[in-house]
Amino acid sequence: MRLIRFLLGAICGGVVGAFAALCLAPMSGKDLRALIFSELKHLVEDVQQAVADKRSELSTNFGSDS
């Protein structure tokens, strides 16, 4: 349990640090918004793919209920 809490804290700290670095970077607001939007789009696509993969894996292992 302590390891999970530590890892969760480390991940959250990394996200906050990355966000702070992006906000303090010497870019124009328009460029920064485009960069954030692009990265967010990639993140959403990765999460959607991971969900689809896990759904397929669980469906294969336990059968399909839907």
N, C-alpha and C. Protein backbone atom coordinates (compact mmCIF):
# COMPACT_ATOMS: atom_id res chain seq x y z
N MET A 1 0.83 -1.19 0.00
CA MET A 1 0.00 0.00 0.00
C MET A 1 0.87 1.26 0.00
N ARG A 2 1.98 1.20 0.76
CA ARG A 2 2.84 2.38 0.82
C ARG A 2 3.51 2.64 -0.52
N LEU A 3 3.87 1.56 -1.22
CA LEU A 3 4.50 1.71 -2.53
C LEU A 3 3.53 2.34 -3.53
N ILE A 4 2.28 1.90 -3.50
CA ILE A 4 1.27 2.45 -4.40
C ILE A 4 1.07 3.94 -4.13
N ARG A 5 0.99 4.30 -2.86
CA ARG A 5 0.82 5.72 -2.50
C ARG A 5 2.02 6.54 -2.95
N PHE A 6 3.23 5.96 -2.77
CA PHE A 6 4.44 6.66 -3.20
C PHE A 6 4.43 6.88 -4.72
N LEU A 7 4.12 5.81 -5.47
CA LEU A 7 4.11 5.91 -6.93
C LEU A 7 3.05 6.90 -7.40
N LEU A 8 1.88 6.87 -6.78
CA LEU A 8 0.83 7.82 -7.14
C LEU A 8 1.30 9.25 -6.88
N GLY A 9 1.95 9.47 -5.75
CA GLY A 9 2.48 10.80 -5.44
C GLY A 9 3.55 11.24 -6.42
N ALA A 10 4.41 10.29 -6.81
CA ALA A 10 5.48 10.61 -7.77
C ALA A 10 4.89 10.97 -9.13
N ILE A 11 3.88 10.22 -9.56
CA ILE A 11 3.23 10.51 -10.85
C ILE A 11 2.55 11.87 -10.80
N CYS A 12 1.81 12.12 -9.73
CA CYS A 12 1.13 13.42 -9.61
C CYS A 12 2.14 14.56 -9.58
N GLY A 13 3.24 14.38 -8.87
CA GLY A 13 4.29 15.39 -8.83
C GLY A 13 4.90 15.63 -10.19
N GLY A 14 5.08 14.56 -10.94
CA GLY A 14 5.61 14.70 -12.30
C GLY A 14 4.68 15.47 -13.21
N VAL A 15 3.38 15.19 -13.08
CA VAL A 15 2.39 15.90 -13.89
C VAL A 15 2.37 17.38 -13.53
N VAL A 16 2.38 17.67 -12.25
CA VAL A 16 2.37 19.08 -11.81
C VAL A 16 3.65 19.78 -12.27
N GLY A 17 4.78 19.10 -12.15
CA GLY A 17 6.05 19.68 -12.60
C GLY A 17 6.07 19.95 -14.09
N ALA A 18 5.54 18.99 -14.86
CA ALA A 18 5.49 19.17 -16.31
C ALA A 18 4.59 20.34 -16.68
N PHE A 19 3.44 20.43 -16.01
CA PHE A 19 2.52 21.53 -16.28
C PHE A 19 3.17 22.87 -15.94
N ALA A 20 3.86 22.93 -14.80
CA ALA A 20 4.54 24.17 -14.41
C ALA A 20 5.62 24.54 -15.43
N ALA A 21 6.37 23.55 -15.90
CA ALA A 21 7.41 23.82 -16.88
C ALA A 21 6.81 24.36 -18.18
N LEU A 22 5.69 23.78 -18.60
CA LEU A 22 5.03 24.27 -19.81
C LEU A 22 4.55 25.72 -19.63
N CYS A 23 3.98 25.99 -18.48
CA CYS A 23 3.44 27.34 -18.24
C CYS A 23 4.54 28.38 -18.12
N LEU A 24 5.70 27.98 -17.67
CA LEU A 24 6.80 28.94 -17.49
C LEU A 24 7.73 28.99 -18.69
N ALA A 25 7.48 28.18 -19.69
CA ALA A 25 8.32 28.16 -20.88
C ALA A 25 8.15 29.46 -21.67
N PRO A 26 9.22 29.90 -22.31
CA PRO A 26 9.14 31.15 -23.08
C PRO A 26 8.48 30.93 -24.45
N MET A 27 7.15 30.80 -24.44
CA MET A 27 6.38 30.63 -25.67
C MET A 27 5.24 31.64 -25.67
N SER A 28 4.74 31.89 -26.85
CA SER A 28 3.56 32.75 -26.91
C SER A 28 2.36 31.95 -26.42
N GLY A 29 1.34 32.66 -26.00
CA GLY A 29 0.14 32.00 -25.51
C GLY A 29 -0.51 31.10 -26.55
N LYS A 30 -0.52 31.55 -27.80
CA LYS A 30 -1.12 30.78 -28.88
C LYS A 30 -0.36 29.47 -29.09
N ASP A 31 0.97 29.56 -29.11
CA ASP A 31 1.79 28.36 -29.30
C ASP A 31 1.64 27.40 -28.13
N LEU A 32 1.60 27.94 -26.91
CA LEU A 32 1.46 27.12 -25.72
C LEU A 32 0.11 26.40 -25.71
N ARG A 33 -0.96 27.11 -26.05
CA ARG A 33 -2.29 26.48 -26.10
C ARG A 33 -2.33 25.37 -27.16
N ALA A 34 -1.70 25.61 -28.30
CA ALA A 34 -1.65 24.59 -29.35
C ALA A 34 -0.88 23.37 -28.88
N LEU A 35 0.23 23.58 -28.19
CA LEU A 35 1.02 22.48 -27.66
C LEU A 35 0.24 21.68 -26.62
N ILE A 36 -0.40 22.38 -25.69
CA ILE A 36 -1.19 21.71 -24.65
C ILE A 36 -2.34 20.93 -25.29
N PHE A 37 -3.03 21.53 -26.24
CA PHE A 37 -4.14 20.84 -26.90
C PHE A 37 -3.65 19.59 -27.63
N SER A 38 -2.52 19.71 -28.30
CA SER A 38 -1.96 18.56 -29.02
C SER A 38 -1.59 17.43 -28.06
N GLU A 39 -0.93 17.77 -26.97
CA GLU A 39 -0.53 16.75 -25.99
C GLU A 39 -1.76 16.13 -25.33
N LEU A 40 -2.76 16.94 -25.05
CA LEU A 40 -3.98 16.42 -24.44
C LEU A 40 -4.71 15.48 -25.40
N LYS A 41 -4.70 15.83 -26.68
CA LYS A 41 -5.33 14.97 -27.69
C LYS A 41 -4.62 13.62 -27.75
N HIS A 42 -3.28 13.64 -27.71
CA HIS A 42 -2.51 12.39 -27.72
C HIS A 42 -2.80 11.57 -26.46
N LEU A 43 -2.90 12.24 -25.32
CA LEU A 43 -3.19 11.54 -24.07
C LEU A 43 -4.56 10.87 -24.12
N VAL A 44 -5.56 11.58 -24.62
CA VAL A 44 -6.91 11.02 -24.73
C VAL A 44 -6.90 9.81 -25.68
N GLU A 45 -6.20 9.92 -26.79
CA GLU A 45 -6.11 8.80 -27.73
C GLU A 45 -5.44 7.60 -27.08
N ASP A 46 -4.37 7.83 -26.32
CA ASP A 46 -3.69 6.73 -25.64
C ASP A 46 -4.59 6.06 -24.61
N VAL A 47 -5.33 6.86 -23.85
CA VAL A 47 -6.25 6.30 -22.85
C VAL A 47 -7.36 5.52 -23.53
N GLN A 48 -7.91 6.04 -24.60
CA GLN A 48 -8.96 5.32 -25.33
C GLN A 48 -8.44 4.00 -25.87
N GLN A 49 -7.21 3.99 -26.37
CA GLN A 49 -6.63 2.75 -26.88
C GLN A 49 -6.40 1.75 -25.75
N ALA A 50 -5.93 2.24 -24.60
CA ALA A 50 -5.71 1.36 -23.46
C ALA A 50 -7.02 0.75 -22.97
N VAL A 51 -8.08 1.55 -22.95
CA VAL A 51 -9.40 1.04 -22.54
C VAL A 51 -9.89 -0.01 -23.53
N ALA A 52 -9.73 0.25 -24.81
CA ALA A 52 -10.17 -0.71 -25.82
C ALA A 52 -9.37 -2.01 -25.70
N ASP A 53 -8.07 -1.90 -25.48
CA ASP A 53 -7.23 -3.09 -25.33
C ASP A 53 -7.65 -3.89 -24.10
N LYS A 54 -7.87 -3.20 -22.99
CA LYS A 54 -8.25 -3.90 -21.75
C LYS A 54 -9.63 -4.52 -21.90
N ARG A 55 -10.54 -3.82 -22.56
CA ARG A 55 -11.89 -4.36 -22.77
C ARG A 55 -11.81 -5.63 -23.61
N SER A 56 -10.99 -5.60 -24.65
CA SER A 56 -10.81 -6.78 -25.50
C SER A 56 -10.19 -7.93 -24.72
N GLU A 57 -9.19 -7.62 -23.91
CA GLU A 57 -8.53 -8.65 -23.10
C GLU A 57 -9.51 -9.28 -22.11
N LEU A 58 -10.29 -8.45 -21.43
CA LEU A 58 -11.25 -8.98 -20.47
C LEU A 58 -12.35 -9.76 -21.15
N SER A 59 -12.76 -9.29 -22.32
CA SER A 59 -13.79 -10.00 -23.07
C SER A 59 -13.29 -11.37 -23.50
N THR A 60 -12.04 -11.45 -23.89
CA THR A 60 -11.44 -12.73 -24.28
C THR A 60 -11.32 -13.66 -23.07
N ASN A 61 -10.91 -13.11 -21.94
CA ASN A 61 -10.69 -13.93 -20.75
C ASN A 61 -11.99 -14.36 -20.07
N PHE A 62 -13.01 -13.51 -20.05
CA PHE A 62 -14.20 -13.78 -19.25
C PHE A 62 -15.47 -13.88 -20.07
N GLY A 63 -15.39 -13.72 -21.37
CA GLY A 63 -16.59 -13.77 -22.20
C GLY A 63 -17.22 -12.39 -22.28
N SER A 64 -18.05 -12.23 -23.27
CA SER A 64 -18.67 -10.93 -23.51
C SER A 64 -20.06 -10.89 -22.91
N ASP A 65 -20.33 -9.88 -22.06
CA ASP A 65 -21.66 -9.68 -21.48
C ASP A 65 -22.47 -8.67 -22.26
N SER A 66 -21.82 -7.89 -23.11
CA SER A 66 -22.54 -6.86 -23.85
C SER A 66 -22.61 -7.12 -25.31
